[in-house]
């Protein structure tokens, strides 16, 4: 199991930087929020995921360690129920492009148009 050597929040750009040994991932808060492992987002079984919309400007307010295997991310929209294990964070980092593209496709299928925040400072 890979364990991050550093996790740092860049509040201004709404990006969580997660470093694993020789890899560094820059995960936008919106991306983390819409891929939350919580039942609220993922549902209670296969095919029950709930599409998250309107999360373009969401930010993380707190990063809370959970044992030696995960963090709980508290978002400024009140969401704080998902535990982001090291394995999940690594997976979200390694597959960011594919997962993000699928999310954009799902938004389009639902007829939702993303509105990039005016102060967006993507890494």
PDB file of N, CA and C in Angstrom:
ATOM      1  N   UNK A   1       0.839  -1.189   0.000  1.00  0.00           N
ATOM      2  CA  UNK A   1       0.000   0.000   0.000  1.00  0.00           C
ATOM      3  C   UNK A   1       0.882   1.250   0.000  1.00  0.00           C
ATOM      4  N   UNK A   2       0.570   2.140  -0.900  1.00  0.00           N
ATOM      5  CA  UNK A   2       1.292   3.401  -0.947  1.00  0.00           C
ATOM      6  C   UNK A   2       0.706   4.351   0.093  1.00  0.00           C
ATOM      7  N   UNK A   3       1.594   5.056   0.783  1.00  0.00           N
ATOM      8  CA  UNK A   3       1.195   6.025   1.801  1.00  0.00           C
ATOM      9  C   UNK A   3       1.731   7.383   1.377  1.00  0.00           C
ATOM     10  N   UNK A   4       0.887   8.421   1.412  1.00  0.00           N
ATOM     11  CA  UNK A   4       1.376   9.738   1.001  1.00  0.00           C
ATOM     12  C   UNK A   4       2.423  10.263   1.981  1.00  0.00           C
ATOM     13  N   UNK A   5       3.448  10.906   1.413  1.00  0.00           N
ATOM     14  CA  UNK A   5       4.482  11.495   2.256  1.00  0.00           C
ATOM     15  C   UNK A   5       4.140  12.941   2.601  1.00  0.00           C
ATOM     16  N   UNK A   6       3.195  13.531   1.863  1.00  0.00           N
ATOM     17  CA  UNK A   6       2.788  14.905   2.138  1.00  0.00           C
ATOM     18  C   UNK A   6       1.414  15.160   1.523  1.00  0.00           C
ATOM     19  N   UNK A   7       0.583  15.877   2.273  1.00  0.00           N
ATOM     20  CA  UNK A   7      -0.716  16.326   1.766  1.00  0.00           C
ATOM     21  C   UNK A   7      -0.815  17.800   2.114  1.00  0.00           C
ATOM     22  N   UNK A   8      -1.036  18.621   1.093  1.00  0.00           N
ATOM     23  CA  UNK A   8      -1.092  20.069   1.336  1.00  0.00           C
ATOM     24  C   UNK A   8      -2.247  20.678   0.538  1.00  0.00           C
ATOM     25  N   UNK A   9      -3.031  21.489   1.216  1.00  0.00           N
ATOM     26  CA  UNK A   9      -4.153  22.168   0.575  1.00  0.00           C
ATOM     27  C   UNK A   9      -3.713  23.546   0.087  1.00  0.00           C
ATOM     28  N   UNK A  10      -4.008  23.827  -1.170  1.00  0.00           N
ATOM     29  CA  UNK A  10      -3.792  25.158  -1.746  1.00  0.00           C
ATOM     30  C   UNK A  10      -5.175  25.793  -1.835  1.00  0.00           C
ATOM     31  N   UNK A  11      -5.555  26.523  -0.774  1.00  0.00           N
ATOM     32  CA  UNK A  11      -6.916  27.059  -0.675  1.00  0.00           C
ATOM     33  C   UNK A  11      -7.262  28.013  -1.810  1.00  0.00           C
ATOM     34  N   UNK A  12      -6.331  28.889  -2.181  1.00  0.00           N
ATOM     35  CA  UNK A  12      -6.618  29.893  -3.210  1.00  0.00           C
ATOM     36  C   UNK A  12      -6.973  29.253  -4.546  1.00  0.00           C
ATOM     37  N   UNK A  13      -6.258  28.187  -4.900  1.00  0.00           N
ATOM     38  CA  UNK A  13      -6.519  27.520  -6.187  1.00  0.00           C
ATOM     39  C   UNK A  13      -7.456  26.320  -6.031  1.00  0.00           C
ATOM     40  N   UNK A  14      -7.887  26.037  -4.787  1.00  0.00           N
ATOM     41  CA  UNK A  14      -8.790  24.915  -4.505  1.00  0.00           C
ATOM     42  C   UNK A  14      -8.229  23.599  -5.038  1.00  0.00           C
ATOM     43  N   UNK A  15      -6.978  23.320  -4.652  1.00  0.00           N
ATOM     44  CA  UNK A  15      -6.296  22.103  -5.098  1.00  0.00           C
ATOM     45  C   UNK A  15      -5.657  21.419  -3.889  1.00  0.00           C
ATOM     46  N   UNK A  16      -5.844  20.104  -3.793  1.00  0.00           N
ATOM     47  CA  UNK A  16      -5.178  19.318  -2.769  1.00  0.00           C
ATOM     48  C   UNK A  16      -3.983  18.638  -3.423  1.00  0.00           C
ATOM     49  N   UNK A  17      -2.803  18.926  -2.913  1.00  0.00           N
ATOM     50  CA  UNK A  17      -1.567  18.325  -3.428  1.00  0.00           C
ATOM     51  C   UNK A  17      -1.258  17.103  -2.576  1.00  0.00           C
ATOM     52  N   UNK A  18      -1.167  15.955  -3.229  1.00  0.00           N
ATOM     53  CA  UNK A  18      -0.892  14.709  -2.521  1.00  0.00           C
ATOM     54  C   UNK A  18       0.364  14.094  -3.118  1.00  0.00           C
ATOM     55  N   UNK A  19       1.367  13.902  -2.260  1.00  0.00           N
ATOM     56  CA  UNK A  19       2.641  13.365  -2.729  1.00  0.00           C
ATOM     57  C   UNK A  19       2.818  11.936  -2.237  1.00  0.00           C
ATOM     58  N   UNK A  20       3.088  11.046  -3.197  1.00  0.00           N
ATOM     59  CA  UNK A  20       3.412   9.645  -2.910  1.00  0.00           C
ATOM     60  C   UNK A  20       4.820   9.409  -3.440  1.00  0.00           C
ATOM     61  N   UNK A  21       5.747   9.066  -2.601  1.00  0.00           N
ATOM     62  CA  UNK A  21       7.118   8.773  -3.021  1.00  0.00           C
ATOM     63  C   UNK A  21       7.563   9.664  -4.181  1.00  0.00           C
ATOM     64  N   UNK A  22       7.516   9.123  -5.400  1.00  0.00           N
ATOM     65  CA  UNK A  22       8.025   9.856  -6.558  1.00  0.00           C
ATOM     66  C   UNK A  22       6.914  10.458  -7.422  1.00  0.00           C
ATOM     67  N   UNK A  23       5.689  10.445  -6.934  1.00  0.00           N
ATOM     68  CA  UNK A  23       4.568  11.003  -7.698  1.00  0.00           C
ATOM     69  C   UNK A  23       3.846  12.059  -6.882  1.00  0.00           C
ATOM     70  N   UNK A  24       3.486  13.160  -7.544  1.00  0.00           N
ATOM     71  CA  UNK A  24       2.721  14.225  -6.901  1.00  0.00           C
ATOM     72  C   UNK A  24       1.464  14.450  -7.724  1.00  0.00           C
ATOM     73  N   UNK A  25       0.325  14.428  -7.062  1.00  0.00           N
ATOM     74  CA  UNK A  25      -0.955  14.662  -7.731  1.00  0.00           C
ATOM     75  C   UNK A  25      -1.529  15.988  -7.250  1.00  0.00           C
ATOM     76  N   UNK A  26      -2.096  16.750  -8.166  1.00  0.00           N
ATOM     77  CA  UNK A  26      -2.776  18.000  -7.851  1.00  0.00           C
ATOM     78  C   UNK A  26      -4.256  17.769  -8.134  1.00  0.00           C
ATOM     79  N   UNK A  27      -5.004  17.525  -7.065  1.00  0.00           N
ATOM     80  CA  UNK A  27      -6.402  17.120  -7.184  1.00  0.00           C
ATOM     81  C   UNK A  27      -7.313  18.289  -6.831  1.00  0.00           C
ATOM     82  N   UNK A  28      -8.034  18.829  -7.810  1.00  0.00           N
ATOM     83  CA  UNK A  28      -8.953  19.941  -7.528  1.00  0.00           C
ATOM     84  C   UNK A  28     -10.015  19.520  -6.508  1.00  0.00           C
ATOM     85  N   UNK A  29     -10.401  20.450  -5.658  1.00  0.00           N
ATOM     86  CA  UNK A  29     -11.417  20.156  -4.641  1.00  0.00           C
ATOM     87  C   UNK A  29     -12.719  19.684  -5.285  1.00  0.00           C
ATOM     88  N   UNK A  30     -13.101  20.280  -6.397  1.00  0.00           N
ATOM     89  CA  UNK A  30     -14.316  19.848  -7.091  1.00  0.00           C
ATOM     90  C   UNK A  30     -14.208  18.366  -7.467  1.00  0.00           C
ATOM     91  N   UNK A  31     -13.077  17.977  -8.009  1.00  0.00           N
ATOM     92  CA  UNK A  31     -12.847  16.586  -8.416  1.00  0.00           C
ATOM     93  C   UNK A  31     -12.981  15.648  -7.213  1.00  0.00           C
ATOM     94  N   UNK A  32     -12.364  16.026  -6.094  1.00  0.00           N
ATOM     95  CA  UNK A  32     -12.445  15.197  -4.890  1.00  0.00           C
ATOM     96  C   UNK A  32     -13.871  15.139  -4.357  1.00  0.00           C
ATOM     97  N   UNK A  33     -14.562  16.265  -4.402  1.00  0.00           N
ATOM     98  CA  UNK A  33     -15.937  16.320  -3.878  1.00  0.00           C
ATOM     99  C   UNK A  33     -16.887  15.447  -4.697  1.00  0.00           C
ATOM    100  N   UNK A  34     -16.790  15.519  -6.019  1.00  0.00           N
ATOM    101  CA  UNK A  34     -17.725  14.755  -6.853  1.00  0.00           C
ATOM    102  C   UNK A  34     -17.376  13.274  -6.907  1.00  0.00           C
ATOM    103  N   UNK A  35     -16.159  12.922  -6.467  1.00  0.00           N
ATOM    104  CA  UNK A  35     -15.757  11.519  -6.397  1.00  0.00           C
ATOM    105  C   UNK A  35     -15.659  11.038  -4.944  1.00  0.00           C
ATOM    106  N   UNK A  36     -16.372  11.699  -4.062  1.00  0.00           N
ATOM    107  CA  UNK A  36     -16.363  11.315  -2.652  1.00  0.00           C
ATOM    108  C   UNK A  36     -16.774   9.850  -2.498  1.00  0.00           C
ATOM    109  N   UNK A  37     -16.097   9.123  -1.606  1.00  0.00           N
ATOM    110  CA  UNK A  37     -16.452   7.722  -1.382  1.00  0.00           C
ATOM    111  C   UNK A  37     -17.688   7.558  -0.496  1.00  0.00           C
ATOM    112  N   UNK A  38     -18.333   8.642  -0.114  1.00  0.00           N
ATOM    113  CA  UNK A  38     -19.489   8.564   0.781  1.00  0.00           C
ATOM    114  C   UNK A  38     -20.684   7.906   0.104  1.00  0.00           C
ATOM    115  N   UNK A  39     -21.567   7.350   0.911  1.00  0.00           N
ATOM    116  CA  UNK A  39     -22.798   6.747   0.389  1.00  0.00           C
ATOM    117  C   UNK A  39     -23.676   7.807  -0.267  1.00  0.00           C
ATOM    118  N   UNK A  40     -23.608   9.034   0.232  1.00  0.00           N
ATOM    119  CA  UNK A  40     -24.386  10.141  -0.344  1.00  0.00           C
ATOM    120  C   UNK A  40     -24.054  10.333  -1.826  1.00  0.00           C
ATOM    121  N   UNK A  41     -22.787  10.115  -2.189  1.00  0.00           N
ATOM    122  CA  UNK A  41     -22.348  10.285  -3.574  1.00  0.00           C
ATOM    123  C   UNK A  41     -22.360   8.956  -4.326  1.00  0.00           C
ATOM    124  N   UNK A  42     -21.823   7.907  -3.711  1.00  0.00           N
ATOM    125  CA  UNK A  42     -21.675   6.617  -4.384  1.00  0.00           C
ATOM    126  C   UNK A  42     -22.934   5.752  -4.359  1.00  0.00           C
ATOM    127  N   UNK A  43     -23.858   6.083  -3.474  1.00  0.00           N
ATOM    128  CA  UNK A  43     -25.038   5.241  -3.323  1.00  0.00           C
ATOM    129  C   UNK A  43     -24.719   4.061  -2.425  1.00  0.00           C
ATOM    130  N   UNK A  44     -25.674   3.173  -2.286  1.00  0.00           N
ATOM    131  CA  UNK A  44     -25.495   2.021  -1.390  1.00  0.00           C
ATOM    132  C   UNK A  44     -25.261   0.720  -2.135  1.00  0.00           C
ATOM    133  N   UNK A  45     -25.026   0.821  -3.433  1.00  0.00           N
ATOM    134  CA  UNK A  45     -24.759  -0.377  -4.221  1.00  0.00           C
ATOM    135  C   UNK A  45     -24.367   0.008  -5.633  1.00  0.00           C
ATOM    136  N   UNK A  46     -23.975  -0.974  -6.430  1.00  0.00           N
ATOM    137  CA  UNK A  46     -23.558  -0.708  -7.810  1.00  0.00           C
ATOM    138  C   UNK A  46     -24.656   0.013  -8.603  1.00  0.00           C
ATOM    139  N   UNK A  47     -24.240   1.001  -9.369  1.00  0.00           N
ATOM    140  CA  UNK A  47     -25.171   1.728 -10.222  1.00  0.00           C
ATOM    141  C   UNK A  47     -26.035   2.750  -9.503  1.00  0.00           C
ATOM    142  N   UNK A  48     -25.757   3.003  -8.230  1.00  0.00           N
ATOM    143  CA  UNK A  48     -26.573   3.942  -7.462  1.00  0.00           C
ATOM    144  C   UNK A  48     -25.890   5.279  -7.216  1.00  0.00           C
ATOM    145  N   UNK A  49     -24.771   5.526  -7.875  1.00  0.00           N
ATOM    146  CA  UNK A  49     -24.048   6.784  -7.681  1.00  0.00           C
ATOM    147  C   UNK A  49     -24.941   7.968  -8.037  1.00  0.00           C
ATOM    148  N   UNK A  50     -24.800   9.047  -7.281  1.00  0.00           N
ATOM    149  CA  UNK A  50     -25.589  10.257  -7.474  1.00  0.00           C
ATOM    150  C   UNK A  50     -24.697  11.327  -8.095  1.00  0.00           C
ATOM    151  N   UNK A  51     -25.060  11.782  -9.293  1.00  0.00           N
ATOM    152  CA  UNK A  51     -24.275  12.799  -9.983  1.00  0.00           C
ATOM    153  C   UNK A  51     -24.285  14.090  -9.178  1.00  0.00           C
ATOM    154  N   UNK A  52     -23.102  14.607  -8.896  1.00  0.00           N
ATOM    155  CA  UNK A  52     -22.954  15.837  -8.127  1.00  0.00           C
ATOM    156  C   UNK A  52     -22.822  17.014  -9.091  1.00  0.00           C
ATOM    157  N   UNK A  53     -23.622  18.040  -8.897  1.00  0.00           N
ATOM    158  CA  UNK A  53     -23.550  19.226  -9.751  1.00  0.00           C
ATOM    159  C   UNK A  53     -23.391  20.466  -8.875  1.00  0.00           C
ATOM    160  N   UNK A  54     -22.940  21.550  -9.488  1.00  0.00           N
ATOM    161  CA  UNK A  54     -22.808  22.809  -8.773  1.00  0.00           C
ATOM    162  C   UNK A  54     -21.655  22.843  -7.785  1.00  0.00           C
ATOM    163  N   UNK A  55     -20.635  22.025  -8.010  1.00  0.00           N
ATOM    164  CA  UNK A  55     -19.507  21.937  -7.072  1.00  0.00           C
ATOM    165  C   UNK A  55     -18.250  22.633  -7.608  1.00  0.00           C
ATOM    166  N   UNK A  56     -18.399  23.466  -8.633  1.00  0.00           N
ATOM    167  CA  UNK A  56     -17.240  24.089  -9.273  1.00  0.00           C
ATOM    168  C   UNK A  56     -16.387  24.922  -8.308  1.00  0.00           C
ATOM    169  N   UNK A  57     -17.013  25.594  -7.355  1.00  0.00           N
ATOM    170  CA  UNK A  57     -16.265  26.485  -6.457  1.00  0.00           C
ATOM    171  C   UNK A  57     -16.071  25.907  -5.059  1.00  0.00           C
ATOM    172  N   UNK A  58     -16.379  24.611  -4.875  1.00  0.00           N
ATOM    173  CA  UNK A  58     -16.254  24.008  -3.549  1.00  0.00           C
ATOM    174  C   UNK A  58     -14.784  24.013  -3.108  1.00  0.00           C
ATOM    175  N   UNK A  59     -14.589  24.146  -1.806  1.00  0.00           N
ATOM    176  CA  UNK A  59     -13.238  24.120  -1.259  1.00  0.00           C
ATOM    177  C   UNK A  59     -13.213  23.204  -0.044  1.00  0.00           C
ATOM    178  N   UNK A  60     -12.035  22.822   0.358  1.00  0.00           N
ATOM    179  CA  UNK A  60     -11.841  22.001   1.548  1.00  0.00           C
ATOM    180  C   UNK A  60     -11.568  22.932   2.717  1.00  0.00           C
ATOM    181  N   UNK A  61     -12.262  22.712   3.825  1.00  0.00           N
ATOM    182  CA  UNK A  61     -12.055  23.545   5.009  1.00  0.00           C
ATOM    183  C   UNK A  61     -11.191  22.862   6.051  1.00  0.00           C
ATOM    184  N   UNK A  62     -11.138  21.520   5.994  1.00  0.00           N
ATOM    185  CA  UNK A  62     -10.354  20.796   6.995  1.00  0.00           C
ATOM    186  C   UNK A  62      -9.938  19.433   6.458  1.00  0.00           C
ATOM    187  N   UNK A  63      -8.738  19.030   6.814  1.00  0.00           N
ATOM    188  CA  UNK A  63      -8.224  17.703   6.488  1.00  0.00           C
ATOM    189  C   UNK A  63      -7.971  17.013   7.824  1.00  0.00           C
ATOM    190  N   UNK A  64      -8.738  15.979   8.097  1.00  0.00           N
ATOM    191  CA  UNK A  64      -8.671  15.306   9.387  1.00  0.00           C
ATOM    192  C   UNK A  64      -8.117  13.896   9.222  1.00  0.00           C
ATOM    193  N   UNK A  65      -6.956  13.601   9.830  1.00  0.00           N
ATOM    194  CA  UNK A  65      -6.398  12.248   9.739  1.00  0.00           C
ATOM    195  C   UNK A  65      -7.342  11.231  10.378  1.00  0.00           C
ATOM    196  N   UNK A  66      -7.447  10.068   9.759  1.00  0.00           N
ATOM    197  CA  UNK A  66      -8.244   8.961  10.304  1.00  0.00           C
ATOM    198  C   UNK A  66      -7.307   7.764  10.387  1.00  0.00           C
ATOM    199  N   UNK A  67      -6.871   7.458  11.593  1.00  0.00           N
ATOM    200  CA  UNK A  67      -5.907   6.384  11.779  1.00  0.00           C
ATOM    201  C   UNK A  67      -4.674   6.627  10.935  1.00  0.00           C
ATOM    202  N   UNK A  68      -4.105   5.546  10.428  1.00  0.00           N
ATOM    203  CA  UNK A  68      -2.920   5.681   9.575  1.00  0.00           C
ATOM    204  C   UNK A  68      -3.231   5.259   8.146  1.00  0.00           C
ATOM    205  N   UNK A  69      -4.532   5.344   7.786  1.00  0.00           N
ATOM    206  CA  UNK A  69      -4.925   4.824   6.478  1.00  0.00           C
ATOM    207  C   UNK A  69      -5.763   5.781   5.625  1.00  0.00           C
ATOM    208  N   UNK A  70      -6.192   6.933   6.195  1.00  0.00           N
ATOM    209  CA  UNK A  70      -7.109   7.788   5.443  1.00  0.00           C
ATOM    210  C   UNK A  70      -7.155   9.196   6.016  1.00  0.00           C
ATOM    211  N   UNK A  71      -7.860  10.068   5.294  1.00  0.00           N
ATOM    212  CA  UNK A  71      -8.205  11.396   5.785  1.00  0.00           C
ATOM    213  C   UNK A  71      -9.692  11.631   5.515  1.00  0.00           C
ATOM    214  N   UNK A  72     -10.296  12.414   6.377  1.00  0.00           N
ATOM    215  CA  UNK A  72     -11.661  12.885   6.148  1.00  0.00           C
ATOM    216  C   UNK A  72     -11.508  14.321   5.650  1.00  0.00           C
ATOM    217  N   UNK A  73     -12.070  14.584   4.485  1.00  0.00           N
ATOM    218  CA  UNK A  73     -12.026  15.932   3.931  1.00  0.00           C
ATOM    219  C   UNK A  73     -13.348  16.610   4.238  1.00  0.00           C
ATOM    220  N   UNK A  74     -13.270  17.771   4.862  1.00  0.00           N
ATOM    221  CA  UNK A  74     -14.476  18.562   5.145  1.00  0.00           C
ATOM    222  C   UNK A  74     -14.543  19.665   4.096  1.00  0.00           C
ATOM    223  N   UNK A  75     -15.674  19.717   3.398  1.00  0.00           N
ATOM    224  CA  UNK A  75     -15.857  20.689   2.327  1.00  0.00           C
ATOM    225  C   UNK A  75     -16.732  21.842   2.803  1.00  0.00           C
ATOM    226  N   UNK A  76     -16.566  23.000   2.170  1.00  0.00           N
ATOM    227  CA  UNK A  76     -17.318  24.179   2.608  1.00  0.00           C
ATOM    228  C   UNK A  76     -18.799  24.134   2.228  1.00  0.00           C
ATOM    229  N   UNK A  77     -19.238  23.073   1.537  1.00  0.00           N
ATOM    230  CA  UNK A  77     -20.670  22.907   1.275  1.00  0.00           C
ATOM    231  C   UNK A  77     -21.312  22.011   2.339  1.00  0.00           C
ATOM    232  N   UNK A  78     -20.533  21.686   3.390  1.00  0.00           N
ATOM    233  CA  UNK A  78     -21.044  20.890   4.497  1.00  0.00           C
ATOM    234  C   UNK A  78     -20.774  19.397   4.380  1.00  0.00           C
ATOM    235  N   UNK A  79     -20.289  18.943   3.235  1.00  0.00           N
ATOM    236  CA  UNK A  79     -20.035  17.508   3.039  1.00  0.00           C
ATOM    237  C   UNK A  79     -18.776  17.093   3.804  1.00  0.00           C
ATOM    238  N   UNK A  80     -18.888  16.025   4.591  1.00  0.00           N
ATOM    239  CA  UNK A  80     -17.731  15.555   5.364  1.00  0.00           C
ATOM    240  C   UNK A  80     -17.839  14.089   5.727  1.00  0.00           C
ATOM    241  N   UNK A  81     -18.575  13.310   4.938  1.00  0.00           N
ATOM    242  CA  UNK A  81     -18.821  11.920   5.348  1.00  0.00           C
ATOM    243  C   UNK A  81     -17.949  10.884   4.661  1.00  0.00           C
ATOM    244  N   UNK A  82     -17.188  11.263   3.653  1.00  0.00           N
ATOM    245  CA  UNK A  82     -16.366  10.277   2.956  1.00  0.00           C
ATOM    246  C   UNK A  82     -14.976  10.161   3.545  1.00  0.00           C
ATOM    247  N   UNK A  83     -14.487   8.934   3.671  1.00  0.00           N
ATOM    248  CA  UNK A  83     -13.103   8.715   4.100  1.00  0.00           C
ATOM    249  C   UNK A  83     -12.261   8.437   2.858  1.00  0.00           C
ATOM    250  N   UNK A  84     -11.272   9.265   2.643  1.00  0.00           N
ATOM    251  CA  UNK A  84     -10.382   9.130   1.492  1.00  0.00           C
ATOM    252  C   UNK A  84      -9.160   8.339   1.928  1.00  0.00           C
ATOM    253  N   UNK A  85      -9.189   7.028   1.647  1.00  0.00           N
ATOM    254  CA  UNK A  85      -8.065   6.169   2.013  1.00  0.00           C
ATOM    255  C   UNK A  85      -6.873   6.509   1.128  1.00  0.00           C
ATOM    256  N   UNK A  86      -5.694   6.069   1.550  1.00  0.00           N
ATOM    257  CA  UNK A  86      -4.492   6.312   0.730  1.00  0.00           C
ATOM    258  C   UNK A  86      -4.678   5.645  -0.628  1.00  0.00           C
ATOM    259  N   UNK A  87      -5.262   4.456  -0.636  1.00  0.00           N
ATOM    260  CA  UNK A  87      -5.491   3.736  -1.886  1.00  0.00           C
ATOM    261  C   UNK A  87      -6.417   4.530  -2.817  1.00  0.00           C
ATOM    262  N   UNK A  88      -7.472   5.113  -2.249  1.00  0.00           N
ATOM    263  CA  UNK A  88      -8.404   5.902  -3.056  1.00  0.00           C
ATOM    264  C   UNK A  88      -7.725   7.161  -3.590  1.00  0.00           C
ATOM    265  N   UNK A  89      -6.989   7.869  -2.748  1.00  0.00           N
ATOM    266  CA  UNK A  89      -6.305   9.087  -3.211  1.00  0.00           C
ATOM    267  C   UNK A  89      -5.317   8.769  -4.332  1.00  0.00           C
ATOM    268  N   UNK A  90      -4.611   7.667  -4.190  1.00  0.00           N
ATOM    269  CA  UNK A  90      -3.667   7.259  -5.231  1.00  0.00           C
ATOM    270  C   UNK A  90      -4.405   6.941  -6.529  1.00  0.00           C
ATOM    271  N   UNK A  91      -5.507   6.202  -6.406  1.00  0.00           N
ATOM    272  CA  UNK A  91      -6.311   5.854  -7.574  1.00  0.00           C
ATOM    273  C   UNK A  91      -6.870   7.115  -8.244  1.00  0.00           C
ATOM    274  N   UNK A  92      -7.378   8.047  -7.447  1.00  0.00           N
ATOM    275  CA  UNK A  92      -7.917   9.290  -8.006  1.00  0.00           C
ATOM    276  C   UNK A  92      -6.822  10.092  -8.707  1.00  0.00           C
ATOM    277  N   UNK A  93      -5.614  10.032  -8.180  1.00  0.00           N
ATOM    278  CA  UNK A  93      -4.493  10.726  -8.814  1.00  0.00           C
ATOM    279  C   UNK A  93      -4.066  10.056 -10.111  1.00  0.00           C
ATOM    280  N   UNK A  94      -3.888   8.753 -10.066  1.00  0.00           N
ATOM    281  CA  UNK A  94      -3.427   8.009 -11.254  1.00  0.00           C
ATOM    282  C   UNK A  94      -4.435   8.052 -12.398  1.00  0.00           C
ATOM    283  N   UNK A  95      -5.709   8.094 -12.069  1.00  0.00           N
ATOM    284  CA  UNK A  95      -6.761   8.018 -13.086  1.00  0.00           C
ATOM    285  C   UNK A  95      -7.524   9.330 -13.253  1.00  0.00           C
ATOM    286  N   UNK A  96      -6.908  10.413 -12.811  1.00  0.00           N
ATOM    287  CA  UNK A  96      -7.596  11.704 -12.792  1.00  0.00           C
ATOM    288  C   UNK A  96      -8.171  12.103 -14.157  1.00  0.00           C
ATOM    289  N   UNK A  97      -7.388  11.978 -15.197  1.00  0.00           N
ATOM    290  CA  UNK A  97      -7.849  12.409 -16.512  1.00  0.00           C
ATOM    291  C   UNK A  97      -9.072  11.614 -16.964  1.00  0.00           C
ATOM    292  N   UNK A  98      -9.026  10.304 -16.836  1.00  0.00           N
ATOM    293  CA  UNK A  98     -10.138   9.448 -17.266  1.00  0.00           C
ATOM    294  C   UNK A  98     -11.378   9.674 -16.402  1.00  0.00           C
ATOM    295  N   UNK A  99     -11.195   9.756 -15.073  1.00  0.00           N
ATOM    296  CA  UNK A  99     -12.332   9.951 -14.179  1.00  0.00           C
ATOM    297  C   UNK A  99     -12.979  11.320 -14.420  1.00  0.00           C
ATOM    298  N   UNK A 100     -12.144  12.341 -14.622  1.00  0.00           N
ATOM    299  CA  UNK A 100     -12.667  13.688 -14.847  1.00  0.00           C
ATOM    300  C   UNK A 100     -13.446  13.730 -16.169  1.00  0.00           C
ATOM    301  N   UNK A 101     -12.911  13.098 -17.191  1.00  0.00           N
ATOM    302  CA  UNK A 101     -13.589  13.075 -18.485  1.00  0.00           C
ATOM    303  C   UNK A 101     -14.946  12.379 -18.364  1.00  0.00           C
ATOM    304  N   UNK A 102     -14.994  11.275 -17.637  1.00  0.00           N
ATOM    305  CA  UNK A 102     -16.254  10.564 -17.444  1.00  0.00           C
ATOM    306  C   UNK A 102     -17.247  11.435 -16.686  1.00  0.00           C
ATOM    307  N   UNK A 103     -16.772  12.178 -15.693  1.00  0.00           N
ATOM    308  CA  UNK A 103     -17.642  13.079 -14.940  1.00  0.00           C
ATOM    309  C   UNK A 103     -18.222  14.147 -15.874  1.00  0.00           C
ATOM    310  N   UNK A 104     -17.384  14.742 -16.721  1.00  0.00           N
ATOM    311  CA  UNK A 104     -17.851  15.760 -17.665  1.00  0.00           C
ATOM    312  C   UNK A 104     -18.880  15.167 -18.623  1.00  0.00           C
ATOM    313  N   UNK A 105     -18.663  13.933 -19.047  1.00  0.00           N
ATOM    314  CA  UNK A 105     -19.626  13.259 -19.932  1.00  0.00           C
ATOM    315  C   UNK A 105     -20.961  13.047 -19.224  1.00  0.00           C
ATOM    316  N   UNK A 106     -20.901  12.646 -17.965  1.00  0.00           N
ATOM    317  CA  UNK A 106     -22.135  12.429 -17.194  1.00  0.00           C
ATOM    318  C   UNK A 106     -22.889  13.741 -16.993  1.00  0.00           C
ATOM    319  N   UNK A 107     -22.147  14.838 -16.759  1.00  0.00           N
ATOM    320  CA  UNK A 107     -22.797  16.147 -16.635  1.00  0.00           C
ATOM    321  C   UNK A 107     -23.506  16.512 -17.937  1.00  0.00           C
ATOM    322  N   UNK A 108     -22.814  16.302 -19.061  1.00  0.00           N
ATOM    323  CA  UNK A 108     -23.389  16.625 -20.372  1.00  0.00           C
ATOM    324  C   UNK A 108     -24.643  15.789 -20.625  1.00  0.00           C
ATOM    325  N   UNK A 109     -24.583  14.508 -20.290  1.00  0.00           N
ATOM    326  CA  UNK A 109     -25.740  13.626 -20.469  1.00  0.00           C
ATOM    327  C   UNK A 109     -26.931  14.098 -19.642  1.00  0.00           C
ATOM    328  N   UNK A 110     -26.643  14.713 -18.490  1.00  0.00           N
ATOM    329  CA  UNK A 110     -27.700  15.204 -17.601  1.00  0.00           C
ATOM    330  C   UNK A 110     -28.159  16.611 -18.001  1.00  0.00           C
ATOM    331  N   UNK A 111     -27.488  17.196 -19.015  1.00  0.00           N
ATOM    332  CA  UNK A 111     -27.863  18.535 -19.459  1.00  0.00           C
ATOM    333  C   UNK A 111     -27.333  19.651 -18.572  1.00  0.00           C
ATOM    334  N   UNK A 112     -26.317  19.339 -17.768  1.00  0.00           N
ATOM    335  CA  UNK A 112     -25.750  20.339 -16.857  1.00  0.00           C
ATOM    336  C   UNK A 112     -24.533  20.993 -17.495  1.00  0.00           C
ATOM    337  N   UNK A 113     -24.450  22.312 -17.394  1.00  0.00           N
ATOM    338  CA  UNK A 113     -23.293  23.053 -17.901  1.00  0.00           C
ATOM    339  C   UNK A 113     -22.465  23.548 -16.722  1.00  0.00           C
ATOM    340  N   UNK A 114     -21.204  23.150 -16.683  1.00  0.00           N
ATOM    341  CA  UNK A 114     -20.292  23.623 -15.624  1.00  0.00           C
ATOM    342  C   UNK A 114     -20.014  25.097 -15.822  1.00  0.00           C
ATOM    343  N   UNK A 115     -19.874  25.813 -14.713  1.00  0.00           N
ATOM    344  CA  UNK A 115     -19.519  27.231 -14.739  1.00  0.00           C
ATOM    345  C   UNK A 115     -18.234  27.396 -13.943  1.00  0.00           C
ATOM    346  N   UNK A 116     -17.135  27.510 -14.659  1.00  0.00           N
ATOM    347  CA  UNK A 116     -15.821  27.649 -14.024  1.00  0.00           C
ATOM    348  C   UNK A 116     -15.808  28.914 -13.177  1.00  0.00           C
ATOM    349  N   UNK A 117     -15.421  28.827 -11.898  1.00  0.00           N
ATOM    350  CA  UNK A 117     -15.368  30.019 -11.048  1.00  0.00           C
ATOM    351  C   UNK A 117     -14.434  31.066 -11.644  1.00  0.00           C
ATOM    352  N   UNK A 118     -14.795  32.320 -11.489  1.00  0.00           N
ATOM    353  CA  UNK A 118     -14.007  33.429 -12.065  1.00  0.00           C
ATOM    354  C   UNK A 118     -12.583  33.456 -11.543  1.00  0.00           C
ATOM    355  N   UNK A 119     -12.382  33.049 -10.291  1.00  0.00           N
ATOM    356  CA  UNK A 119     -11.047  33.113  -9.688  1.00  0.00           C
ATOM    357  C   UNK A 119     -10.323  31.780  -9.747  1.00  0.00           C
ATOM    358  N   UNK A 120     -10.732  30.900 -10.658  1.00  0.00           N
ATOM    359  CA  UNK A 120     -10.139  29.567 -10.733  1.00  0.00           C
ATOM    360  C   UNK A 120      -8.658  29.634 -11.059  1.00  0.00           C
ATOM    361  N   UNK A 121      -7.864  28.945 -10.259  1.00  0.00           N
ATOM    362  CA  UNK A 121      -6.430  28.909 -10.486  1.00  0.00           C
ATOM    363  C   UNK A 121      -5.960  27.473 -10.570  1.00  0.00           C
ATOM    364  N   UNK A 122      -6.423  26.760 -11.560  1.00  0.00           N
ATOM    365  CA  UNK A 122      -6.063  25.345 -11.697  1.00  0.00           C
ATOM    366  C   UNK A 122      -4.568  25.175 -11.826  1.00  0.00           C
ATOM    367  N   UNK A 123      -4.068  24.129 -11.192  1.00  0.00           N
ATOM    368  CA  UNK A 123      -2.641  23.786 -11.296  1.00  0.00           C
ATOM    369  C   UNK A 123      -2.377  23.200 -12.647  1.00  0.00           C
TER     370      UNK A 123
END
